[in-house]
Amino acid sequence: LVKKVIHKRVEPTNADRNIGETGVTVTEINNILGTGEVNLKGIVWTARSNDDSVIPKDTQVTVTKIEGVKLIVEKK
């Protein structure tokens, strides 16, 4: 019983496969206003920039990491 509590299994998700992929911004990404969406492989994700820069609409971006359900991206 103690081993089950101490050694929790981490379930990998398919979302990890999106790191390093290229997408296109659907709306402007602005971390201060909390706005931004990226189309990645036909799915629209909420997104934030990794360096707090504003990224305009229709810009190609690269996914650097995923935090919860948000993509963290950088301008390509």
N, C-alpha and C. Protein backbone atom coordinates (compact mmCIF):
# COMPACT_ATOMS: atom_id res chain seq x y z
N LEU A 1 0.83 -1.19 0.00
CA LEU A 1 0.00 0.00 0.00
C LEU A 1 0.87 1.26 0.00
N VAL A 2 1.94 1.26 0.79
CA VAL A 2 2.83 2.42 0.87
C VAL A 2 3.52 2.64 -0.47
N LYS A 3 3.93 1.55 -1.14
CA LYS A 3 4.59 1.67 -2.43
C LYS A 3 3.68 2.35 -3.45
N LYS A 4 2.40 2.06 -3.42
CA LYS A 4 1.45 2.69 -4.36
C LYS A 4 1.38 4.19 -4.14
N VAL A 5 1.45 4.63 -2.90
CA VAL A 5 1.37 6.06 -2.59
C VAL A 5 2.68 6.76 -2.95
N ILE A 6 3.80 6.12 -2.67
CA ILE A 6 5.10 6.74 -2.91
C ILE A 6 5.46 6.75 -4.40
N HIS A 7 5.20 5.66 -5.10
CA HIS A 7 5.60 5.51 -6.49
C HIS A 7 4.40 5.67 -7.42
N LYS A 8 3.98 6.90 -7.60
CA LYS A 8 2.85 7.17 -8.50
C LYS A 8 3.33 7.08 -9.94
N ARG A 9 2.54 6.45 -10.76
CA ARG A 9 2.86 6.35 -12.18
C ARG A 9 2.47 7.63 -12.89
N VAL A 10 3.32 8.06 -13.80
CA VAL A 10 3.02 9.24 -14.61
C VAL A 10 2.49 8.74 -15.94
N GLU A 11 1.30 9.18 -16.29
CA GLU A 11 0.67 8.77 -17.55
C GLU A 11 1.08 9.74 -18.65
N PRO A 12 1.84 9.27 -19.64
CA PRO A 12 2.18 10.16 -20.75
C PRO A 12 0.94 10.45 -21.60
N THR A 13 0.89 11.64 -22.16
CA THR A 13 -0.23 12.00 -23.01
C THR A 13 0.26 12.23 -24.43
N ASN A 14 -0.65 12.20 -25.36
CA ASN A 14 -0.30 12.45 -26.75
C ASN A 14 0.04 13.91 -26.99
N ALA A 15 -0.34 14.79 -26.08
CA ALA A 15 -0.06 16.22 -26.25
C ALA A 15 1.44 16.48 -26.29
N ASP A 16 2.24 15.64 -25.63
CA ASP A 16 3.69 15.82 -25.63
C ASP A 16 4.27 15.72 -27.04
N ARG A 17 3.59 15.05 -27.92
CA ARG A 17 4.06 14.92 -29.30
C ARG A 17 4.03 16.25 -30.05
N ASN A 18 3.29 17.22 -29.56
CA ASN A 18 3.17 18.52 -30.23
C ASN A 18 4.36 19.44 -29.98
N ILE A 19 5.19 19.13 -29.02
CA ILE A 19 6.35 19.97 -28.73
C ILE A 19 7.31 19.91 -29.91
N GLY A 20 7.69 21.10 -30.40
CA GLY A 20 8.57 21.19 -31.55
C GLY A 20 7.82 21.33 -32.87
N GLU A 21 6.51 21.16 -32.86
CA GLU A 21 5.70 21.26 -34.07
C GLU A 21 5.44 22.73 -34.40
N THR A 22 5.08 22.98 -35.67
CA THR A 22 4.79 24.33 -36.14
C THR A 22 3.29 24.51 -36.32
N GLY A 23 2.79 25.65 -35.85
CA GLY A 23 1.38 26.00 -36.02
C GLY A 23 1.27 27.43 -36.50
N VAL A 24 0.02 27.88 -36.70
CA VAL A 24 -0.26 29.24 -37.17
C VAL A 24 -1.20 29.90 -36.18
N THR A 25 -0.90 31.16 -35.83
CA THR A 25 -1.75 31.87 -34.88
C THR A 25 -3.10 32.20 -35.53
N VAL A 26 -4.16 31.94 -34.80
CA VAL A 26 -5.53 32.23 -35.26
C VAL A 26 -5.92 33.63 -34.80
N THR A 27 -5.51 33.97 -33.58
CA THR A 27 -5.71 35.31 -33.03
C THR A 27 -4.37 35.80 -32.48
N GLU A 28 -4.24 37.09 -32.29
CA GLU A 28 -3.01 37.66 -31.75
C GLU A 28 -2.72 37.09 -30.37
N ILE A 29 -1.47 36.72 -30.13
CA ILE A 29 -1.05 36.23 -28.82
C ILE A 29 -0.51 37.41 -28.02
N ASN A 30 -1.16 37.68 -26.89
CA ASN A 30 -0.76 38.78 -26.02
C ASN A 30 -0.91 38.29 -24.58
N ASN A 31 0.20 38.00 -23.93
CA ASN A 31 0.16 37.46 -22.57
C ASN A 31 -0.46 38.42 -21.56
N ILE A 32 -0.25 39.71 -21.74
CA ILE A 32 -0.78 40.70 -20.80
C ILE A 32 -2.31 40.71 -20.83
N LEU A 33 -2.88 40.65 -22.04
CA LEU A 33 -4.34 40.62 -22.17
C LEU A 33 -4.91 39.22 -21.99
N GLY A 34 -4.04 38.21 -22.02
CA GLY A 34 -4.50 36.83 -21.86
C GLY A 34 -5.19 36.30 -23.11
N THR A 35 -4.78 36.76 -24.27
CA THR A 35 -5.41 36.31 -25.51
C THR A 35 -4.40 35.54 -26.37
N GLY A 36 -4.92 34.71 -27.24
CA GLY A 36 -4.09 34.02 -28.20
C GLY A 36 -4.54 32.60 -28.45
N GLU A 37 -4.60 32.25 -29.73
CA GLU A 37 -4.95 30.89 -30.13
C GLU A 37 -4.07 30.48 -31.29
N VAL A 38 -3.75 29.20 -31.34
CA VAL A 38 -2.90 28.65 -32.40
C VAL A 38 -3.61 27.43 -33.01
N ASN A 39 -3.58 27.36 -34.34
CA ASN A 39 -4.09 26.18 -35.04
C ASN A 39 -2.90 25.25 -35.24
N LEU A 40 -2.98 24.08 -34.62
CA LEU A 40 -1.91 23.09 -34.70
C LEU A 40 -2.51 21.77 -35.15
N LYS A 41 -2.18 21.35 -36.35
CA LYS A 41 -2.68 20.09 -36.92
C LYS A 41 -4.20 20.06 -36.97
N GLY A 42 -4.82 21.20 -37.27
CA GLY A 42 -6.27 21.26 -37.40
C GLY A 42 -7.02 21.44 -36.09
N ILE A 43 -6.31 21.56 -34.99
CA ILE A 43 -6.94 21.76 -33.67
C ILE A 43 -6.53 23.13 -33.16
N VAL A 44 -7.49 23.90 -32.68
CA VAL A 44 -7.21 25.24 -32.15
C VAL A 44 -6.94 25.12 -30.64
N TRP A 45 -5.76 25.59 -30.24
CA TRP A 45 -5.33 25.58 -28.84
C TRP A 45 -5.22 27.01 -28.32
N THR A 46 -5.43 27.18 -27.03
CA THR A 46 -5.12 28.44 -26.37
C THR A 46 -3.59 28.49 -26.28
N ALA A 47 -3.02 29.68 -26.51
CA ALA A 47 -1.56 29.77 -26.54
C ALA A 47 -1.06 31.03 -25.86
N ARG A 48 0.17 30.96 -25.39
CA ARG A 48 0.88 32.09 -24.80
C ARG A 48 2.30 32.09 -25.37
N SER A 49 2.91 33.26 -25.45
CA SER A 49 4.29 33.33 -25.94
C SER A 49 5.25 33.04 -24.78
N ASN A 50 6.40 32.47 -25.11
CA ASN A 50 7.34 32.08 -24.06
C ASN A 50 8.15 33.26 -23.52
N ASP A 51 8.17 34.39 -24.25
CA ASP A 51 8.95 35.54 -23.80
C ASP A 51 8.11 36.80 -23.62
N ASP A 52 6.80 36.63 -23.46
CA ASP A 52 5.86 37.73 -23.24
C ASP A 52 5.78 38.71 -24.41
N SER A 53 6.26 38.31 -25.59
CA SER A 53 6.15 39.18 -26.76
C SER A 53 4.76 39.02 -27.38
N VAL A 54 4.34 40.04 -28.11
CA VAL A 54 3.06 40.00 -28.82
C VAL A 54 3.32 39.38 -30.19
N ILE A 55 2.55 38.34 -30.53
CA ILE A 55 2.72 37.67 -31.81
C ILE A 55 1.45 37.91 -32.62
N PRO A 56 1.56 38.54 -33.79
CA PRO A 56 0.38 38.86 -34.59
C PRO A 56 -0.32 37.63 -35.17
N LYS A 57 -1.55 37.84 -35.61
CA LYS A 57 -2.36 36.81 -36.24
C LYS A 57 -1.66 36.34 -37.53
N ASP A 58 -1.89 35.07 -37.91
CA ASP A 58 -1.35 34.45 -39.13
C ASP A 58 0.17 34.36 -39.15
N THR A 59 0.79 34.22 -37.98
CA THR A 59 2.24 34.06 -37.87
C THR A 59 2.56 32.61 -37.55
N GLN A 60 3.60 32.07 -38.18
CA GLN A 60 4.02 30.71 -37.86
C GLN A 60 4.77 30.71 -36.54
N VAL A 61 4.42 29.75 -35.68
CA VAL A 61 5.04 29.63 -34.36
C VAL A 61 5.45 28.18 -34.12
N THR A 62 6.40 28.00 -33.21
CA THR A 62 6.86 26.67 -32.82
C THR A 62 6.49 26.44 -31.36
N VAL A 63 5.95 25.27 -31.06
CA VAL A 63 5.57 24.92 -29.69
C VAL A 63 6.83 24.56 -28.91
N THR A 64 7.06 25.25 -27.77
CA THR A 64 8.23 24.96 -26.94
C THR A 64 7.88 24.09 -25.74
N LYS A 65 6.65 24.24 -25.22
CA LYS A 65 6.20 23.38 -24.12
C LYS A 65 4.70 23.50 -23.98
N ILE A 66 4.14 22.68 -23.11
CA ILE A 66 2.70 22.69 -22.84
C ILE A 66 2.51 22.82 -21.33
N GLU A 67 1.69 23.79 -20.94
CA GLU A 67 1.35 23.98 -19.52
C GLU A 67 -0.15 23.83 -19.38
N GLY A 68 -0.57 22.73 -18.81
CA GLY A 68 -2.00 22.44 -18.69
C GLY A 68 -2.59 22.23 -20.06
N VAL A 69 -3.52 23.11 -20.46
CA VAL A 69 -4.14 23.01 -21.79
C VAL A 69 -3.69 24.15 -22.70
N LYS A 70 -2.61 24.84 -22.33
CA LYS A 70 -2.11 25.95 -23.13
C LYS A 70 -0.77 25.60 -23.75
N LEU A 71 -0.63 26.00 -25.01
CA LEU A 71 0.65 25.85 -25.69
C LEU A 71 1.50 27.06 -25.37
N ILE A 72 2.76 26.85 -25.11
CA ILE A 72 3.73 27.93 -24.95
C ILE A 72 4.54 27.93 -26.25
N VAL A 73 4.51 29.05 -26.98
CA VAL A 73 5.07 29.09 -28.32
C VAL A 73 6.09 30.21 -28.47
N GLU A 74 6.89 30.09 -29.53
CA GLU A 74 7.81 31.16 -29.91
C GLU A 74 7.66 31.40 -31.39
N LYS A 75 7.91 32.63 -31.81
CA LYS A 75 7.81 33.01 -33.22
C LYS A 75 8.86 32.25 -34.01
N LYS A 76 8.45 31.72 -35.16
CA LYS A 76 9.38 30.93 -35.97
C LYS A 76 10.24 31.82 -36.83
